[in-house]
């Protein structure tokens, strides 16, 4: 069976668009610049706890499944929008 779902772009918290392979960064709580690539999920990830979806959401989702083929940064159990300080690297 073919996986027909392939997310093309994602939107950072600041509104910028990113795609698979883009280099992004954020500054962690220790002031260290952390860089990485936007990657594609290899399998569905079911979140066991209630998740707000994005920092802008008011109501938590009861059950969230992050789909195979969707884009992520660093941890495949988080949305890209969860990284509020994430920005494109030069």
C-alpha atoms as a PDB file:
ATOM      1  CA  UNK A   1       0.000   0.000   0.000  1.00  0.00           C
ATOM      2  CA  UNK A   2       1.259   3.462  -0.874  1.00  0.00           C
ATOM      3  CA  UNK A   3       1.371   6.337   1.545  1.00  0.00           C
ATOM      4  CA  UNK A   4      -0.445   9.101  -0.327  1.00  0.00           C
ATOM      5  CA  UNK A   5      -0.105  11.723   2.424  1.00  0.00           C
ATOM      6  CA  UNK A   6       3.041  13.817   2.033  1.00  0.00           C
ATOM      7  CA  UNK A   7       3.035  17.222   3.721  1.00  0.00           C
ATOM      8  CA  UNK A   8       4.773  19.712   1.416  1.00  0.00           C
ATOM      9  CA  UNK A   9       5.349  22.655   3.758  1.00  0.00           C
ATOM     10  CA  UNK A  10       4.875  23.576   7.403  1.00  0.00           C
ATOM     11  CA  UNK A  11       4.474  26.965   9.027  1.00  0.00           C
ATOM     12  CA  UNK A  12       6.747  28.079  11.849  1.00  0.00           C
ATOM     13  CA  UNK A  13       5.258  29.925  14.829  1.00  0.00           C
ATOM     14  CA  UNK A  14       6.539  33.201  13.306  1.00  0.00           C
ATOM     15  CA  UNK A  15       4.609  32.516  10.069  1.00  0.00           C
ATOM     16  CA  UNK A  16       7.542  31.504   7.843  1.00  0.00           C
ATOM     17  CA  UNK A  17       7.112  28.446   5.608  1.00  0.00           C
ATOM     18  CA  UNK A  18       9.592  25.533   5.725  1.00  0.00           C
ATOM     19  CA  UNK A  19       9.928  22.304   3.756  1.00  0.00           C
ATOM     20  CA  UNK A  20      11.747  19.004   4.223  1.00  0.00           C
ATOM     21  CA  UNK A  21      15.517  19.526   4.391  1.00  0.00           C
ATOM     22  CA  UNK A  22      15.407  23.194   5.421  1.00  0.00           C
ATOM     23  CA  UNK A  23      17.938  24.095   8.121  1.00  0.00           C
ATOM     24  CA  UNK A  24      16.354  25.766  11.146  1.00  0.00           C
ATOM     25  CA  UNK A  25      17.523  26.862  14.594  1.00  0.00           C
ATOM     26  CA  UNK A  26      16.357  28.052  17.984  1.00  0.00           C
ATOM     27  CA  UNK A  27      18.122  29.430  21.052  1.00  0.00           C
ATOM     28  CA  UNK A  28      17.647  27.124  24.054  1.00  0.00           C
ATOM     29  CA  UNK A  29      17.243  28.215  27.682  1.00  0.00           C
ATOM     30  CA  UNK A  30      21.031  28.102  28.168  1.00  0.00           C
ATOM     31  CA  UNK A  31      21.533  30.584  25.321  1.00  0.00           C
ATOM     32  CA  UNK A  32      22.970  27.926  22.995  1.00  0.00           C
ATOM     33  CA  UNK A  33      22.017  27.979  19.315  1.00  0.00           C
ATOM     34  CA  UNK A  34      20.527  24.567  18.372  1.00  0.00           C
ATOM     35  CA  UNK A  35      20.337  23.758  14.651  1.00  0.00           C
ATOM     36  CA  UNK A  36      18.737  20.915  12.766  1.00  0.00           C
ATOM     37  CA  UNK A  37      16.883  19.903   9.623  1.00  0.00           C
ATOM     38  CA  UNK A  38      13.172  19.659   8.975  1.00  0.00           C
ATOM     39  CA  UNK A  39      12.475  15.928   8.546  1.00  0.00           C
ATOM     40  CA  UNK A  40       9.601  13.678   7.514  1.00  0.00           C
ATOM     41  CA  UNK A  41       7.916  11.230   9.944  1.00  0.00           C
ATOM     42  CA  UNK A  42       8.502   7.599   8.975  1.00  0.00           C
ATOM     43  CA  UNK A  43       5.438   6.307  10.885  1.00  0.00           C
ATOM     44  CA  UNK A  44       2.301   7.562  12.682  1.00  0.00           C
ATOM     45  CA  UNK A  45       2.929   8.895  16.197  1.00  0.00           C
ATOM     46  CA  UNK A  46       0.005   8.709  18.638  1.00  0.00           C
ATOM     47  CA  UNK A  47       0.272  11.162  21.528  1.00  0.00           C
ATOM     48  CA  UNK A  48      -0.942   9.545  24.744  1.00  0.00           C
ATOM     49  CA  UNK A  49      -1.535  12.776  26.632  1.00  0.00           C
ATOM     50  CA  UNK A  50      -3.822  15.686  25.812  1.00  0.00           C
ATOM     51  CA  UNK A  51      -2.106  18.122  23.474  1.00  0.00           C
ATOM     52  CA  UNK A  52      -3.060  21.677  22.646  1.00  0.00           C
ATOM     53  CA  UNK A  53      -2.075  21.272  18.976  1.00  0.00           C
ATOM     54  CA  UNK A  54      -0.275  24.595  18.797  1.00  0.00           C
ATOM     55  CA  UNK A  55       0.640  27.232  21.381  1.00  0.00           C
ATOM     56  CA  UNK A  56      -2.289  29.297  20.023  1.00  0.00           C
ATOM     57  CA  UNK A  57      -4.932  26.605  20.728  1.00  0.00           C
ATOM     58  CA  UNK A  58      -7.336  27.052  23.635  1.00  0.00           C
ATOM     59  CA  UNK A  59      -8.755  23.523  23.955  1.00  0.00           C
ATOM     60  CA  UNK A  60      -6.610  20.364  24.171  1.00  0.00           C
ATOM     61  CA  UNK A  61      -7.201  17.575  21.676  1.00  0.00           C
ATOM     62  CA  UNK A  62      -8.425  14.353  23.310  1.00  0.00           C
ATOM     63  CA  UNK A  63      -6.365  12.191  20.969  1.00  0.00           C
ATOM     64  CA  UNK A  64      -3.749  13.348  18.496  1.00  0.00           C
ATOM     65  CA  UNK A  65      -2.087  11.248  15.809  1.00  0.00           C
ATOM     66  CA  UNK A  66       0.838  12.800  13.974  1.00  0.00           C
ATOM     67  CA  UNK A  67       0.637  11.270  10.507  1.00  0.00           C
ATOM     68  CA  UNK A  68       3.342   9.373   8.653  1.00  0.00           C
ATOM     69  CA  UNK A  69       4.705  11.712   5.980  1.00  0.00           C
ATOM     70  CA  UNK A  70       4.167  14.890   8.008  1.00  0.00           C
ATOM     71  CA  UNK A  71       7.072  17.198   8.799  1.00  0.00           C
ATOM     72  CA  UNK A  72       8.821  17.574  12.169  1.00  0.00           C
ATOM     73  CA  UNK A  73      11.893  19.078  13.822  1.00  0.00           C
ATOM     74  CA  UNK A  74      14.100  17.182  16.329  1.00  0.00           C
ATOM     75  CA  UNK A  75      11.393  15.226  18.178  1.00  0.00           C
ATOM     76  CA  UNK A  76       8.753  13.458  16.070  1.00  0.00           C
ATOM     77  CA  UNK A  77       6.304  13.697  18.990  1.00  0.00           C
ATOM     78  CA  UNK A  78       6.028  17.479  18.667  1.00  0.00           C
ATOM     79  CA  UNK A  79       4.487  19.824  16.142  1.00  0.00           C
ATOM     80  CA  UNK A  80       6.854  22.262  14.418  1.00  0.00           C
ATOM     81  CA  UNK A  81       4.701  25.072  15.847  1.00  0.00           C
ATOM     82  CA  UNK A  82       5.579  23.913  19.385  1.00  0.00           C
ATOM     83  CA  UNK A  83       9.044  25.444  18.911  1.00  0.00           C
ATOM     84  CA  UNK A  84       8.075  29.102  19.393  1.00  0.00           C
ATOM     85  CA  UNK A  85      11.609  30.436  18.786  1.00  0.00           C
ATOM     86  CA  UNK A  86      12.312  28.314  15.688  1.00  0.00           C
ATOM     87  CA  UNK A  87      13.560  30.245  12.639  1.00  0.00           C
ATOM     88  CA  UNK A  88      15.267  29.549   9.315  1.00  0.00           C
ATOM     89  CA  UNK A  89      19.065  29.338   9.549  1.00  0.00           C
ATOM     90  CA  UNK A  90      21.239  31.246   7.074  1.00  0.00           C
END
